[in-house]
Amino acid sequence: MKTLLRIDASIRRQGSFSRTLGDAFVGEWKHRHPQGEVLTRDIGQEPLPHLSDEVANAFFTGARELQVLALSNLLCDELKQASEILITCPMYNFGIPSTLKAWFDQVVRANETFRRDGYQYEGLLHNKTVYIIMAMGDGRTGLRTTENFEYYLTDTLAFMGIHDVRIVTVGGTATRSFTDGWQATYQQSISQLLNN
């Protein structure tokens, strides 16, 4: 049975383009996997704490049972359990939301999602597909900005061993030229993501 982990990073509950397209994605995914399970982690509405000195030090002890690691353990377990991951996120000030960065900081963890052998690093998460739905309000955002945004996400996922990353970008959502029929247009992109 397939398991989809959905991670929503938008702080907006209503009017979020990334969330709306994420809903469409999940609907299509459920249609294709009627027996599948969807886990939802809404870090936009329920933000995760940023790393503390205590948690960071505990990462290097190797003692997974430490109480201070309970949240990180849960997040790592969710990620490892999922066969597919959906990340919906807007661009805020040319970067990912701090809530998504906090999630990555909790799950990019030695002996959980990667391991180190001397000076070599190896990702431990294999045979997973990540779908990313990005939304950007300014249609003037340059290719370089978009690439930097994508590189951070794909490089971090690759570090954990995930190389099958598929991205849909909804751009110019705050511009006059952005149409009311955008969802139907991007629905085709969702189908293409799942068909690849």
N, C-alpha and C. Protein backbone atom coordinates (compact mmCIF):
# COMPACT_ATOMS: atom_id res chain seq x y z
N MET A 1 0.84 -1.20 0.00
CA MET A 1 0.00 0.00 0.00
C MET A 1 0.88 1.25 0.00
N LYS A 2 0.58 2.18 -0.88
CA LYS A 2 1.35 3.41 -0.96
C LYS A 2 0.91 4.39 0.13
N THR A 3 1.88 5.17 0.58
CA THR A 3 1.61 6.21 1.57
C THR A 3 2.14 7.53 1.04
N LEU A 4 1.29 8.55 1.06
CA LEU A 4 1.67 9.89 0.64
C LEU A 4 1.78 10.78 1.87
N LEU A 5 2.93 11.40 2.05
CA LEU A 5 3.11 12.40 3.11
C LEU A 5 2.96 13.77 2.47
N ARG A 6 1.94 14.50 2.92
CA ARG A 6 1.69 15.85 2.40
C ARG A 6 2.19 16.87 3.41
N ILE A 7 3.02 17.79 2.93
CA ILE A 7 3.57 18.84 3.78
C ILE A 7 3.14 20.18 3.20
N ASP A 8 2.35 20.94 3.95
CA ASP A 8 1.89 22.25 3.51
C ASP A 8 2.66 23.33 4.28
N ALA A 9 3.29 24.25 3.53
CA ALA A 9 4.12 25.26 4.17
C ALA A 9 3.53 26.66 4.13
N SER A 10 2.44 26.86 3.40
CA SER A 10 1.87 28.20 3.30
C SER A 10 1.23 28.62 4.62
N ILE A 11 1.44 29.88 5.00
CA ILE A 11 0.83 30.40 6.22
C ILE A 11 -0.64 30.76 5.98
N ARG A 12 -1.05 30.77 4.73
CA ARG A 12 -2.43 31.13 4.39
C ARG A 12 -3.31 29.89 4.37
N ARG A 13 -4.39 29.95 5.12
CA ARG A 13 -5.35 28.85 5.12
C ARG A 13 -6.29 28.97 3.91
N GLN A 14 -6.71 30.20 3.61
CA GLN A 14 -7.58 30.47 2.47
C GLN A 14 -6.80 31.26 1.42
N GLY A 15 -7.11 31.00 0.16
CA GLY A 15 -6.49 31.76 -0.92
C GLY A 15 -5.07 31.38 -1.23
N SER A 16 -4.62 30.24 -0.75
CA SER A 16 -3.26 29.77 -1.03
C SER A 16 -3.27 28.98 -2.33
N PHE A 17 -2.49 29.43 -3.29
CA PHE A 17 -2.43 28.73 -4.57
C PHE A 17 -1.75 27.37 -4.43
N SER A 18 -0.72 27.31 -3.61
CA SER A 18 -0.01 26.03 -3.45
C SER A 18 -0.90 25.01 -2.74
N ARG A 19 -1.66 25.45 -1.74
CA ARG A 19 -2.58 24.53 -1.04
C ARG A 19 -3.69 24.05 -1.98
N THR A 20 -4.24 24.99 -2.74
CA THR A 20 -5.34 24.64 -3.64
C THR A 20 -4.90 23.60 -4.66
N LEU A 21 -3.73 23.81 -5.24
CA LEU A 21 -3.23 22.84 -6.20
C LEU A 21 -2.83 21.54 -5.50
N GLY A 22 -2.39 21.66 -4.25
CA GLY A 22 -2.10 20.46 -3.46
C GLY A 22 -3.34 19.63 -3.23
N ASP A 23 -4.47 20.29 -2.99
CA ASP A 23 -5.74 19.56 -2.82
C ASP A 23 -6.08 18.79 -4.10
N ALA A 24 -5.87 19.44 -5.25
CA ALA A 24 -6.14 18.79 -6.53
C ALA A 24 -5.22 17.59 -6.72
N PHE A 25 -3.97 17.76 -6.33
CA PHE A 25 -3.00 16.66 -6.44
C PHE A 25 -3.44 15.47 -5.61
N VAL A 26 -3.81 15.73 -4.36
CA VAL A 26 -4.21 14.64 -3.46
C VAL A 26 -5.45 13.94 -4.00
N GLY A 27 -6.39 14.70 -4.56
CA GLY A 27 -7.58 14.09 -5.14
C GLY A 27 -7.22 13.14 -6.27
N GLU A 28 -6.30 13.58 -7.13
CA GLU A 28 -5.86 12.73 -8.24
C GLU A 28 -5.09 11.52 -7.73
N TRP A 29 -4.26 11.75 -6.72
CA TRP A 29 -3.46 10.66 -6.15
C TRP A 29 -4.36 9.59 -5.53
N LYS A 30 -5.40 10.03 -4.80
CA LYS A 30 -6.33 9.08 -4.18
C LYS A 30 -7.10 8.29 -5.24
N HIS A 31 -7.42 8.96 -6.34
CA HIS A 31 -8.12 8.28 -7.43
C HIS A 31 -7.25 7.16 -8.00
N ARG A 32 -5.96 7.40 -8.07
CA ARG A 32 -5.04 6.41 -8.62
C ARG A 32 -4.64 5.35 -7.59
N HIS A 33 -4.72 5.71 -6.32
CA HIS A 33 -4.34 4.78 -5.25
C HIS A 33 -5.46 4.73 -4.21
N PRO A 34 -6.59 4.12 -4.54
CA PRO A 34 -7.75 4.14 -3.64
C PRO A 34 -7.49 3.49 -2.28
N GLN A 35 -6.52 2.60 -2.21
CA GLN A 35 -6.19 1.96 -0.94
C GLN A 35 -5.05 2.69 -0.22
N GLY A 36 -4.55 3.74 -0.83
CA GLY A 36 -3.40 4.45 -0.26
C GLY A 36 -3.77 5.28 0.97
N GLU A 37 -2.76 5.61 1.74
CA GLU A 37 -2.93 6.42 2.95
C GLU A 37 -2.26 7.77 2.76
N VAL A 38 -2.93 8.83 3.20
CA VAL A 38 -2.38 10.18 3.12
C VAL A 38 -2.12 10.70 4.53
N LEU A 39 -0.87 11.02 4.81
CA LEU A 39 -0.49 11.66 6.07
C LEU A 39 -0.31 13.14 5.79
N THR A 40 -0.87 14.00 6.64
CA THR A 40 -0.75 15.44 6.41
C THR A 40 -0.01 16.10 7.56
N ARG A 41 0.99 16.89 7.19
CA ARG A 41 1.76 17.67 8.16
C ARG A 41 1.65 19.13 7.72
N ASP A 42 0.79 19.89 8.41
CA ASP A 42 0.55 21.28 8.04
C ASP A 42 1.46 22.19 8.87
N ILE A 43 2.65 22.42 8.34
CA ILE A 43 3.62 23.23 9.09
C ILE A 43 3.37 24.72 8.92
N GLY A 44 2.47 25.07 7.99
CA GLY A 44 2.10 26.47 7.85
C GLY A 44 1.17 26.91 8.97
N GLN A 45 0.22 26.04 9.33
CA GLN A 45 -0.73 26.35 10.40
C GLN A 45 -0.24 25.88 11.77
N GLU A 46 0.59 24.87 11.79
CA GLU A 46 1.16 24.36 13.04
C GLU A 46 2.67 24.33 12.90
N PRO A 47 3.31 25.50 13.02
CA PRO A 47 4.75 25.60 12.78
C PRO A 47 5.57 24.73 13.74
N LEU A 48 6.65 24.22 13.21
CA LEU A 48 7.58 23.44 14.02
C LEU A 48 8.58 24.37 14.69
N PRO A 49 9.09 23.98 15.84
CA PRO A 49 10.11 24.81 16.48
C PRO A 49 11.42 24.76 15.71
N HIS A 50 12.12 25.87 15.72
CA HIS A 50 13.45 25.86 15.14
C HIS A 50 14.38 25.08 16.06
N LEU A 51 15.49 24.64 15.50
CA LEU A 51 16.42 23.84 16.30
C LEU A 51 16.93 24.63 17.50
N SER A 52 17.08 23.93 18.59
CA SER A 52 17.67 24.52 19.79
C SER A 52 19.03 23.88 20.02
N ASP A 53 19.79 24.47 20.89
CA ASP A 53 21.10 23.92 21.24
C ASP A 53 20.96 22.51 21.80
N GLU A 54 19.93 22.31 22.62
CA GLU A 54 19.71 21.01 23.25
C GLU A 54 19.40 19.93 22.21
N VAL A 55 18.53 20.27 21.25
CA VAL A 55 18.17 19.29 20.22
C VAL A 55 19.35 19.01 19.31
N ALA A 56 20.05 20.06 18.89
CA ALA A 56 21.19 19.87 18.00
C ALA A 56 22.26 18.99 18.65
N ASN A 57 22.51 19.19 19.92
CA ASN A 57 23.49 18.35 20.62
C ASN A 57 23.01 16.91 20.71
N ALA A 58 21.71 16.73 20.91
CA ALA A 58 21.16 15.37 21.02
C ALA A 58 21.26 14.61 19.70
N PHE A 59 21.23 15.33 18.58
CA PHE A 59 21.37 14.68 17.28
C PHE A 59 22.66 13.87 17.20
N PHE A 60 23.68 14.33 17.88
CA PHE A 60 25.00 13.71 17.74
C PHE A 60 25.31 12.70 18.82
N THR A 61 24.37 12.46 19.71
CA THR A 61 24.62 11.47 20.76
C THR A 61 24.33 10.06 20.28
N GLY A 62 23.46 9.95 19.27
CA GLY A 62 23.08 8.62 18.79
C GLY A 62 22.03 7.95 19.65
N ALA A 63 21.57 8.65 20.69
CA ALA A 63 20.57 8.08 21.60
C ALA A 63 19.18 8.53 21.16
N ARG A 64 18.53 7.71 20.33
CA ARG A 64 17.25 8.09 19.75
C ARG A 64 16.14 8.22 20.80
N GLU A 65 16.31 7.54 21.93
CA GLU A 65 15.25 7.52 22.93
C GLU A 65 15.20 8.79 23.78
N LEU A 66 16.12 9.71 23.61
CA LEU A 66 16.08 10.95 24.38
C LEU A 66 14.77 11.69 24.13
N GLN A 67 14.14 12.15 25.19
CA GLN A 67 12.83 12.81 25.08
C GLN A 67 12.90 14.06 24.20
N VAL A 68 14.02 14.74 24.22
CA VAL A 68 14.14 15.97 23.45
C VAL A 68 14.09 15.71 21.95
N LEU A 69 14.27 14.45 21.55
CA LEU A 69 14.25 14.09 20.14
C LEU A 69 12.90 13.54 19.69
N ALA A 70 11.91 13.56 20.56
CA ALA A 70 10.61 12.94 20.25
C ALA A 70 9.99 13.52 18.98
N LEU A 71 9.99 14.83 18.83
CA LEU A 71 9.39 15.45 17.65
C LEU A 71 10.18 15.10 16.40
N SER A 72 11.48 15.23 16.46
CA SER A 72 12.32 14.90 15.31
C SER A 72 12.16 13.44 14.92
N ASN A 73 12.08 12.56 15.92
CA ASN A 73 11.87 11.13 15.63
C ASN A 73 10.56 10.92 14.87
N LEU A 74 9.51 11.59 15.32
CA LEU A 74 8.20 11.46 14.68
C LEU A 74 8.26 11.93 13.23
N LEU A 75 8.89 13.08 13.00
CA LEU A 75 8.98 13.62 11.65
C LEU A 75 9.82 12.73 10.75
N CYS A 76 10.91 12.19 11.28
CA CYS A 76 11.75 11.27 10.50
C CYS A 76 10.98 9.99 10.18
N ASP A 77 10.22 9.50 11.14
CA ASP A 77 9.44 8.27 10.91
C ASP A 77 8.37 8.49 9.84
N GLU A 78 7.72 9.66 9.86
CA GLU A 78 6.73 9.98 8.83
C GLU A 78 7.38 9.98 7.45
N LEU A 79 8.55 10.58 7.38
CA LEU A 79 9.25 10.67 6.10
C LEU A 79 9.69 9.30 5.61
N LYS A 80 10.19 8.48 6.51
CA LYS A 80 10.65 7.14 6.12
C LYS A 80 9.48 6.24 5.74
N GLN A 81 8.35 6.44 6.39
CA GLN A 81 7.17 5.62 6.11
C GLN A 81 6.59 5.90 4.73
N ALA A 82 6.70 7.14 4.28
CA ALA A 82 6.06 7.56 3.03
C ALA A 82 6.78 6.99 1.81
N SER A 83 6.00 6.52 0.86
CA SER A 83 6.57 6.11 -0.42
C SER A 83 6.64 7.30 -1.37
N GLU A 84 5.74 8.27 -1.16
CA GLU A 84 5.72 9.48 -1.96
C GLU A 84 5.48 10.67 -1.04
N ILE A 85 6.06 11.81 -1.39
CA ILE A 85 5.95 13.02 -0.57
C ILE A 85 5.48 14.17 -1.44
N LEU A 86 4.53 14.93 -0.95
CA LEU A 86 4.06 16.15 -1.62
C LEU A 86 4.41 17.33 -0.73
N ILE A 87 5.15 18.28 -1.30
CA ILE A 87 5.47 19.52 -0.58
C ILE A 87 4.82 20.67 -1.32
N THR A 88 3.92 21.38 -0.66
CA THR A 88 3.33 22.58 -1.26
C THR A 88 3.91 23.79 -0.54
N CYS A 89 4.48 24.70 -1.31
CA CYS A 89 5.10 25.85 -0.64
C CYS A 89 5.13 27.07 -1.55
N PRO A 90 4.89 28.23 -0.96
CA PRO A 90 5.03 29.48 -1.68
C PRO A 90 6.47 29.97 -1.58
N MET A 91 6.81 30.94 -2.39
CA MET A 91 8.08 31.63 -2.24
C MET A 91 7.84 32.88 -1.39
N TYR A 92 8.56 32.99 -0.29
CA TYR A 92 8.49 34.18 0.56
C TYR A 92 9.84 34.89 0.51
N ASN A 93 9.85 36.12 0.03
CA ASN A 93 11.08 36.91 0.00
C ASN A 93 12.24 36.15 -0.63
N PHE A 94 11.95 35.54 -1.78
CA PHE A 94 12.94 34.85 -2.61
C PHE A 94 13.44 33.54 -2.03
N GLY A 95 12.75 33.01 -1.04
CA GLY A 95 13.20 31.74 -0.45
C GLY A 95 12.02 30.92 0.04
N ILE A 96 12.34 29.76 0.60
CA ILE A 96 11.29 28.91 1.15
C ILE A 96 10.82 29.48 2.48
N PRO A 97 9.59 29.17 2.89
CA PRO A 97 9.12 29.62 4.20
C PRO A 97 10.01 29.07 5.32
N SER A 98 10.18 29.84 6.37
CA SER A 98 11.03 29.38 7.48
C SER A 98 10.46 28.12 8.12
N THR A 99 9.15 27.93 8.00
CA THR A 99 8.54 26.72 8.55
C THR A 99 9.04 25.47 7.83
N LEU A 100 9.24 25.58 6.52
CA LEU A 100 9.76 24.44 5.76
C LEU A 100 11.23 24.20 6.07
N LYS A 101 11.97 25.28 6.26
CA LYS A 101 13.38 25.14 6.66
C LYS A 101 13.46 24.45 8.02
N ALA A 102 12.55 24.79 8.93
CA ALA A 102 12.53 24.15 10.25
C ALA A 102 12.25 22.66 10.12
N TRP A 103 11.37 22.28 9.19
CA TRP A 103 11.08 20.86 8.97
C TRP A 103 12.32 20.14 8.47
N PHE A 104 12.98 20.72 7.48
CA PHE A 104 14.21 20.11 6.97
C PHE A 104 15.25 19.96 8.08
N ASP A 105 15.37 20.98 8.92
CA ASP A 105 16.37 20.92 10.00
C ASP A 105 16.07 19.79 10.99
N GLN A 106 14.80 19.42 11.11
CA GLN A 106 14.42 18.33 12.02
C GLN A 106 14.63 16.95 11.40
N VAL A 107 14.60 16.86 10.06
CA VAL A 107 14.67 15.54 9.42
C VAL A 107 15.99 15.25 8.72
N VAL A 108 16.78 16.26 8.41
CA VAL A 108 18.11 15.99 7.84
C VAL A 108 19.01 15.65 9.02
N ARG A 109 19.11 14.38 9.28
CA ARG A 109 19.67 13.94 10.56
C ARG A 109 20.52 12.68 10.39
N ALA A 110 21.70 12.73 10.95
CA ALA A 110 22.64 11.61 10.83
C ALA A 110 22.04 10.33 11.40
N ASN A 111 22.25 9.25 10.65
CA ASN A 111 21.80 7.90 11.01
C ASN A 111 20.28 7.74 10.97
N GLU A 112 19.59 8.76 10.53
CA GLU A 112 18.14 8.68 10.31
C GLU A 112 17.84 8.81 8.82
N THR A 113 18.33 9.89 8.22
CA THR A 113 18.08 10.11 6.79
C THR A 113 19.37 10.19 5.98
N PHE A 114 20.51 10.24 6.63
CA PHE A 114 21.80 10.15 5.95
C PHE A 114 22.81 9.58 6.93
N ARG A 115 23.92 9.10 6.39
CA ARG A 115 25.01 8.64 7.25
C ARG A 115 26.33 9.15 6.72
N ARG A 116 27.28 9.20 7.61
CA ARG A 116 28.61 9.70 7.26
C ARG A 116 29.64 8.61 7.46
N ASP A 117 30.47 8.42 6.44
CA ASP A 117 31.57 7.46 6.51
C ASP A 117 32.84 8.23 6.20
N GLY A 118 33.53 8.62 7.25
CA GLY A 118 34.70 9.47 7.06
C GLY A 118 34.25 10.83 6.56
N TYR A 119 34.71 11.17 5.35
CA TYR A 119 34.32 12.45 4.75
C TYR A 119 33.26 12.26 3.67
N GLN A 120 32.70 11.07 3.59
CA GLN A 120 31.68 10.78 2.59
C GLN A 120 30.30 10.72 3.25
N TYR A 121 29.32 11.25 2.55
CA TYR A 121 27.94 11.23 3.04
C TYR A 121 27.09 10.38 2.11
N GLU A 122 26.16 9.65 2.69
CA GLU A 122 25.27 8.80 1.90
C GLU A 122 23.84 8.97 2.39
N GLY A 123 22.93 9.28 1.47
CA GLY A 123 21.52 9.39 1.82
C GLY A 123 20.94 8.02 2.12
N LEU A 124 20.02 7.97 3.05
CA LEU A 124 19.42 6.70 3.47
C LEU A 124 17.99 6.51 2.98
N LEU A 125 17.42 7.52 2.34
CA LEU A 125 16.04 7.42 1.87
C LEU A 125 16.05 7.10 0.38
N HIS A 126 15.59 5.91 0.05
CA HIS A 126 15.63 5.46 -1.35
C HIS A 126 14.23 5.07 -1.82
N ASN A 127 14.09 4.99 -3.14
CA ASN A 127 12.83 4.56 -3.76
C ASN A 127 11.64 5.42 -3.33
N LYS A 128 11.89 6.71 -3.25
CA LYS A 128 10.83 7.66 -2.92
C LYS A 128 10.73 8.71 -4.02
N THR A 129 9.52 9.20 -4.22
CA THR A 129 9.29 10.29 -5.17
C THR A 129 8.75 11.49 -4.42
N VAL A 130 9.31 12.66 -4.71
CA VAL A 130 8.84 13.90 -4.10
C VAL A 130 8.23 14.79 -5.18
N TYR A 131 7.03 15.27 -4.90
CA TYR A 131 6.35 16.22 -5.78
C TYR A 131 6.34 17.57 -5.06
N ILE A 132 6.77 18.61 -5.76
CA ILE A 132 6.81 19.94 -5.16
C ILE A 132 5.91 20.88 -5.97
N ILE A 133 4.99 21.52 -5.28
CA ILE A 133 4.14 22.53 -5.90
C ILE A 133 4.54 23.88 -5.32
N MET A 134 5.13 24.73 -6.16
CA MET A 134 5.62 26.04 -5.75
C MET A 134 4.69 27.12 -6.28
N ALA A 135 4.49 28.17 -5.50
CA ALA A 135 3.70 29.31 -5.95
C ALA A 135 4.48 30.59 -5.70
N MET A 136 4.49 31.46 -6.73
CA MET A 136 5.20 32.74 -6.63
C MET A 136 4.28 33.85 -7.10
N GLY A 137 4.18 34.91 -6.32
CA GLY A 137 3.26 35.98 -6.65
C GLY A 137 3.73 36.90 -7.74
N ASP A 138 5.02 37.19 -7.79
CA ASP A 138 5.55 38.18 -8.73
C ASP A 138 5.93 37.52 -10.04
N GLY A 139 5.26 37.90 -11.10
CA GLY A 139 5.55 37.33 -12.41
C GLY A 139 6.89 37.77 -12.95
N ARG A 140 7.51 38.79 -12.33
CA ARG A 140 8.80 39.27 -12.81
C ARG A 140 9.96 38.50 -12.20
N THR A 141 9.67 37.58 -11.28
CA THR A 141 10.73 36.81 -10.64
C THR A 141 11.56 36.11 -11.71
N GLY A 142 12.86 36.35 -11.68
CA GLY A 142 13.74 35.83 -12.73
C GLY A 142 14.02 34.35 -12.60
N LEU A 143 14.56 33.80 -13.70
CA LEU A 143 14.89 32.38 -13.74
C LEU A 143 15.90 32.03 -12.66
N ARG A 144 16.85 32.94 -12.41
CA ARG A 144 17.88 32.66 -11.41
C ARG A 144 17.27 32.47 -10.03
N THR A 145 16.31 33.31 -9.68
CA THR A 145 15.65 33.18 -8.38
C THR A 145 14.92 31.85 -8.28
N THR A 146 14.21 31.49 -9.34
CA THR A 146 13.49 30.22 -9.34
C THR A 146 14.45 29.05 -9.22
N GLU A 147 15.56 29.11 -9.96
CA GLU A 147 16.54 28.03 -9.91
C GLU A 147 17.13 27.89 -8.52
N ASN A 148 17.46 29.01 -7.87
CA ASN A 148 18.02 28.95 -6.52
C ASN A 148 17.03 28.29 -5.56
N PHE A 149 15.77 28.65 -5.70
CA PHE A 149 14.70 28.08 -4.88
C PHE A 149 14.64 26.57 -5.09
N GLU A 150 14.64 26.15 -6.35
CA GLU A 150 14.56 24.73 -6.67
C GLU A 150 15.82 23.99 -6.25
N TYR A 151 16.98 24.60 -6.47
CA TYR A 151 18.24 23.93 -6.13
C TYR A 151 18.31 23.60 -4.64
N TYR A 152 17.87 24.54 -3.81
CA TYR A 152 17.91 24.27 -2.37
C TYR A 152 17.08 23.03 -2.04
N LEU A 153 15.87 22.97 -2.59
CA LEU A 153 14.99 21.84 -2.29
C LEU A 153 15.54 20.54 -2.86
N THR A 154 15.94 20.54 -4.13
CA THR A 154 16.42 19.30 -4.75
C THR A 154 17.74 18.84 -4.14
N ASP A 155 18.62 19.78 -3.81
CA ASP A 155 19.91 19.39 -3.21
C ASP A 155 19.72 18.81 -1.82
N THR A 156 18.83 19.40 -1.04
CA THR A 156 18.58 18.89 0.31
C THR A 156 17.95 17.51 0.27
N LEU A 157 17.01 17.32 -0.64
CA LEU A 157 16.38 16.00 -0.78
C LEU A 157 17.39 14.97 -1.28
N ALA A 158 18.24 15.37 -2.23
CA ALA A 158 19.26 14.45 -2.75
C ALA A 158 20.24 14.05 -1.66
N PHE A 159 20.56 14.96 -0.76
CA PHE A 159 21.46 14.65 0.34
C PHE A 159 20.91 13.51 1.19
N MET A 160 19.57 13.43 1.27
CA MET A 160 18.94 12.36 2.03
C MET A 160 18.68 11.11 1.18
N GLY A 161 19.09 11.17 -0.09
CA GLY A 161 18.96 10.00 -0.96
C GLY A 161 17.78 10.03 -1.91
N ILE A 162 17.02 11.14 -1.94
CA ILE A 162 15.84 11.24 -2.80
C ILE A 162 16.21 12.02 -4.06
N HIS A 163 16.18 11.34 -5.19
CA HIS A 163 16.58 11.96 -6.45
C HIS A 163 15.44 12.12 -7.44
N ASP A 164 14.33 11.44 -7.20
CA ASP A 164 13.17 11.57 -8.08
C ASP A 164 12.30 12.70 -7.55
N VAL A 165 12.57 13.91 -8.03
CA VAL A 165 11.87 15.11 -7.56
C VAL A 165 11.19 15.77 -8.76
N ARG A 166 9.90 15.99 -8.66
CA ARG A 166 9.11 16.55 -9.76
C ARG A 166 8.44 17.84 -9.29
N ILE A 167 8.59 18.89 -10.09
CA ILE A 167 8.19 20.23 -9.64
C ILE A 167 7.20 20.88 -10.60
N VAL A 168 6.17 21.49 -10.02
CA VAL A 168 5.25 22.35 -10.76
C VAL A 168 5.33 23.74 -10.12
N THR A 169 5.55 24.76 -10.94
CA THR A 169 5.65 26.12 -10.44
C THR A 169 4.48 26.95 -10.95
N VAL A 170 3.74 27.54 -10.03
CA VAL A 170 2.65 28.46 -10.37
C VAL A 170 3.20 29.86 -10.18
N GLY A 171 3.46 30.56 -11.28
CA GLY A 171 4.09 31.87 -11.20
C GLY A 171 3.16 33.01 -11.53
N GLY A 172 3.49 34.18 -11.00
CA GLY A 172 2.73 35.39 -11.31
C GLY A 172 1.35 35.45 -10.72
N THR A 173 1.15 34.82 -9.57
CA THR A 173 -0.20 34.76 -8.99
C THR A 173 -0.72 36.12 -8.53
N ALA A 174 0.18 37.09 -8.33
CA ALA A 174 -0.25 38.41 -7.87
C ALA A 174 -0.36 39.42 -9.01
N THR A 175 -0.21 38.95 -10.25
CA THR A 175 -0.25 39.85 -11.39
C THR A 175 -1.65 39.93 -11.99
N ARG A 176 -1.91 41.01 -12.73
CA ARG A 176 -3.22 41.20 -13.35
C ARG A 176 -3.50 40.15 -14.42
N SER A 177 -2.46 39.66 -15.04
CA SER A 177 -2.64 38.71 -16.14
C SER A 177 -2.97 37.30 -15.65
N PHE A 178 -2.86 37.08 -14.34
CA PHE A 178 -3.16 35.75 -13.81
C PHE A 178 -4.67 35.53 -13.87
N THR A 179 -5.09 34.46 -14.50
CA THR A 179 -6.52 34.26 -14.79
C THR A 179 -7.22 33.43 -13.73
N ASP A 180 -8.55 33.56 -13.72
CA ASP A 180 -9.36 32.78 -12.80
C ASP A 180 -9.34 31.30 -13.14
N GLY A 181 -9.01 30.97 -14.38
CA GLY A 181 -9.01 29.57 -14.79
C GLY A 181 -7.69 28.87 -14.59
N TRP A 182 -6.87 29.41 -13.69
CA TRP A 182 -5.52 28.86 -13.52
C TRP A 182 -5.54 27.41 -13.07
N GLN A 183 -6.51 27.04 -12.23
CA GLN A 183 -6.50 25.69 -11.65
C GLN A 183 -6.66 24.62 -12.73
N ALA A 184 -7.54 24.88 -13.69
CA ALA A 184 -7.73 23.92 -14.78
C ALA A 184 -6.45 23.78 -15.59
N THR A 185 -5.75 24.91 -15.78
CA THR A 185 -4.50 24.87 -16.53
C THR A 185 -3.46 24.01 -15.83
N TYR A 186 -3.32 24.23 -14.53
CA TYR A 186 -2.29 23.50 -13.79
C TYR A 186 -2.71 22.08 -13.44
N GLN A 187 -3.99 21.79 -13.54
CA GLN A 187 -4.44 20.42 -13.32
C GLN A 187 -3.77 19.48 -14.32
N GLN A 188 -3.56 19.96 -15.53
CA GLN A 188 -2.86 19.16 -16.53
C GLN A 188 -1.43 18.87 -16.08
N SER A 189 -0.80 19.85 -15.45
CA SER A 189 0.56 19.65 -14.95
C SER A 189 0.60 18.60 -13.85
N ILE A 190 -0.44 18.58 -13.02
CA ILE A 190 -0.54 17.58 -11.96
C ILE A 190 -0.60 16.18 -12.56
N SER A 191 -1.42 16.02 -13.57
CA SER A 191 -1.54 14.71 -14.22
C SER A 191 -0.22 14.29 -14.83
N GLN A 192 0.49 15.25 -15.43
CA GLN A 192 1.79 14.93 -16.02
C GLN A 192 2.79 14.51 -14.96
N LEU A 193 2.75 15.17 -13.80
CA LEU A 193 3.65 14.79 -12.70
C LEU A 193 3.46 13.34 -12.33
N LEU A 194 2.21 12.94 -12.18
CA LEU A 194 1.90 11.59 -11.73
C LEU A 194 2.11 10.55 -12.83
N ASN A 195 2.10 11.00 -14.08
CA ASN A 195 2.29 10.07 -15.19
C ASN A 195 3.75 9.78 -15.47
N ASN A 196 4.64 10.66 -15.07
CA ASN A 196 6.07 10.49 -15.37
C ASN A 196 6.66 9.29 -14.63
